[in-house]
Amino acid sequence: SHHYMGRVYKFYVCNVSYVLSSIAGMVKALLTDRQKQKLTMLDSVNDLRQDFALHQLEQDLGGSREAFTTFFPFPLTPGPFEAGFSG
């Protein structure tokens, strides 16, 4: 779409069951190439370490951050933002 271009870099989908993964495979055939680039189906949450700094990820996602209990205002962490940084 030409609306809101550049708003989303990637969507990460973790811990998908085999059935939903099969359905997603069929649905991905209907997506444009750009949409396929944005959708990332992960087999393991440890794959998130390739794209995120560890202090940005919660512990259940393989990072070092405590789980969120308050969501608004959204807690933003300071940098650095290099993938795999363990800050």
C-alpha atoms as a PDB file:
ATOM      1  CA  SER A   1       0.000   0.000   0.000  1.00  0.00           C
ATOM      2  CA  HIS A   2       1.099   3.572  -0.509  1.00  0.00           C
ATOM      3  CA  HIS A   3      -0.411   4.742   2.782  1.00  0.00           C
ATOM      4  CA  TYR A   4       1.852   5.110   5.812  1.00  0.00           C
ATOM      5  CA  MET A   5       4.909   3.831   3.984  1.00  0.00           C
ATOM      6  CA  GLY A   6       7.874   3.115   6.221  1.00  0.00           C
ATOM      7  CA  ARG A   7       5.811   2.782   9.416  1.00  0.00           C
ATOM      8  CA  VAL A   8       6.608  -0.883  10.049  1.00  0.00           C
ATOM      9  CA  TYR A   9       9.993  -2.437   9.394  1.00  0.00           C
ATOM     10  CA  LYS A  10       9.151  -6.032  10.353  1.00  0.00           C
ATOM     11  CA  PHE A  11       6.566  -8.120  12.157  1.00  0.00           C
ATOM     12  CA  TYR A  12       7.928 -10.942  14.280  1.00  0.00           C
ATOM     13  CA  VAL A  13       5.707 -13.957  14.970  1.00  0.00           C
ATOM     14  CA  CYS A  14       7.003 -16.343  17.643  1.00  0.00           C
ATOM     15  CA  ASN A  15       5.921 -19.745  18.957  1.00  0.00           C
ATOM     16  CA  VAL A  16       3.446 -20.553  16.210  1.00  0.00           C
ATOM     17  CA  SER A  17       1.867 -24.008  16.217  1.00  0.00           C
ATOM     18  CA  TYR A  18       2.400 -26.328  13.270  1.00  0.00           C
ATOM     19  CA  VAL A  19      -1.182 -25.832  12.065  1.00  0.00           C
ATOM     20  CA  LEU A  20      -0.958 -22.024  12.106  1.00  0.00           C
ATOM     21  CA  SER A  21       2.465 -22.176  10.497  1.00  0.00           C
ATOM     22  CA  SER A  22       1.007 -24.235   7.628  1.00  0.00           C
ATOM     23  CA  ILE A  23      -1.872 -21.786   7.202  1.00  0.00           C
ATOM     24  CA  ALA A  24       0.557 -18.854   7.270  1.00  0.00           C
ATOM     25  CA  GLY A  25       2.579 -20.522   4.529  1.00  0.00           C
ATOM     26  CA  MET A  26      -0.472 -20.614   2.300  1.00  0.00           C
ATOM     27  CA  VAL A  27      -1.416 -17.025   3.142  1.00  0.00           C
ATOM     28  CA  LYS A  28       2.122 -15.805   2.421  1.00  0.00           C
ATOM     29  CA  ALA A  29       1.649 -16.945  -1.166  1.00  0.00           C
ATOM     30  CA  LEU A  30      -0.991 -14.201  -1.498  1.00  0.00           C
ATOM     31  CA  LEU A  31       1.252 -11.435  -0.127  1.00  0.00           C
ATOM     32  CA  THR A  32       3.360  -9.060  -2.186  1.00  0.00           C
ATOM     33  CA  ASP A  33       7.143  -9.400  -2.090  1.00  0.00           C
ATOM     34  CA  ARG A  34       7.428  -6.362   0.181  1.00  0.00           C
ATOM     35  CA  GLN A  35       4.870  -7.806   2.605  1.00  0.00           C
ATOM     36  CA  LYS A  36       6.745 -11.120   2.652  1.00  0.00           C
ATOM     37  CA  GLN A  37       9.944  -9.269   3.586  1.00  0.00           C
ATOM     38  CA  LYS A  38       8.200  -7.672   6.554  1.00  0.00           C
ATOM     39  CA  LEU A  39       6.698 -10.876   7.988  1.00  0.00           C
ATOM     40  CA  THR A  40       9.178 -12.963   9.969  1.00  0.00           C
ATOM     41  CA  MET A  41       8.078 -16.321  11.365  1.00  0.00           C
ATOM     42  CA  LEU A  42      10.503 -17.421  14.086  1.00  0.00           C
ATOM     43  CA  ASP A  43      11.125 -21.013  15.134  1.00  0.00           C
ATOM     44  CA  SER A  44      12.797 -19.908  18.349  1.00  0.00           C
ATOM     45  CA  VAL A  45      12.670 -16.699  20.372  1.00  0.00           C
ATOM     46  CA  ASN A  46      16.476 -16.830  20.435  1.00  0.00           C
ATOM     47  CA  ASP A  47      16.348 -15.710  16.797  1.00  0.00           C
ATOM     48  CA  LEU A  48      15.239 -12.285  18.074  1.00  0.00           C
ATOM     49  CA  ARG A  49      18.809 -11.747  19.313  1.00  0.00           C
ATOM     50  CA  GLN A  50      19.893 -11.256  15.708  1.00  0.00           C
ATOM     51  CA  ASP A  51      17.808  -8.071  15.420  1.00  0.00           C
ATOM     52  CA  PHE A  52      17.449  -6.676  18.955  1.00  0.00           C
ATOM     53  CA  ALA A  53      19.723  -5.606  21.793  1.00  0.00           C
ATOM     54  CA  LEU A  54      19.274  -7.961  24.760  1.00  0.00           C
ATOM     55  CA  HIS A  55      18.350  -5.162  27.171  1.00  0.00           C
ATOM     56  CA  GLN A  56      15.337  -4.393  24.950  1.00  0.00           C
ATOM     57  CA  LEU A  57      13.930  -7.935  25.098  1.00  0.00           C
ATOM     58  CA  GLU A  58      12.077  -9.366  28.076  1.00  0.00           C
ATOM     59  CA  GLN A  59      13.540 -12.438  29.783  1.00  0.00           C
ATOM     60  CA  ASP A  60      10.898 -14.776  28.353  1.00  0.00           C
ATOM     61  CA  LEU A  61      12.030 -13.684  24.872  1.00  0.00           C
ATOM     62  CA  GLY A  62      15.706 -14.379  25.564  1.00  0.00           C
ATOM     63  CA  GLY A  63      16.686 -10.910  26.752  1.00  0.00           C
ATOM     64  CA  SER A  64      17.735  -9.411  30.060  1.00  0.00           C
ATOM     65  CA  ARG A  65      14.802  -7.057  30.743  1.00  0.00           C
ATOM     66  CA  GLU A  66      12.192  -7.735  33.404  1.00  0.00           C
ATOM     67  CA  ALA A  67       8.660  -8.447  32.182  1.00  0.00           C
ATOM     68  CA  PHE A  68       6.447  -5.390  31.682  1.00  0.00           C
ATOM     69  CA  THR A  69       3.742  -4.789  34.256  1.00  0.00           C
ATOM     70  CA  THR A  70       2.861  -1.210  33.238  1.00  0.00           C
ATOM     71  CA  PHE A  71       2.187  -0.600  29.573  1.00  0.00           C
ATOM     72  CA  PHE A  72       1.229   3.079  29.381  1.00  0.00           C
ATOM     73  CA  PRO A  73       3.184   5.207  28.943  1.00  0.00           C
ATOM     74  CA  PHE A  74       5.189   2.710  26.935  1.00  0.00           C
ATOM     75  CA  PRO A  75       8.605   2.236  28.586  1.00  0.00           C
ATOM     76  CA  LEU A  76      11.348   3.086  26.091  1.00  0.00           C
ATOM     77  CA  THR A  77      14.882   1.955  26.774  1.00  0.00           C
ATOM     78  CA  PRO A  78      17.936   4.042  25.928  1.00  0.00           C
ATOM     79  CA  GLY A  79      20.484   2.819  23.378  1.00  0.00           C
ATOM     80  CA  PRO A  80      22.736   1.373  22.174  1.00  0.00           C
ATOM     81  CA  PHE A  81      20.514  -0.568  19.821  1.00  0.00           C
ATOM     82  CA  GLU A  82      23.006  -2.897  18.085  1.00  0.00           C
ATOM     83  CA  ALA A  83      21.711  -6.429  17.678  1.00  0.00           C
ATOM     84  CA  GLY A  84      22.915  -8.759  20.415  1.00  0.00           C
ATOM     85  CA  PHE A  85      24.228  -5.937  22.645  1.00  0.00           C
ATOM     86  CA  SER A  86      24.004  -7.178  26.231  1.00  0.00           C
ATOM     87  CA  GLY A  87      24.229  -3.720  27.917  1.00  0.00           C
END
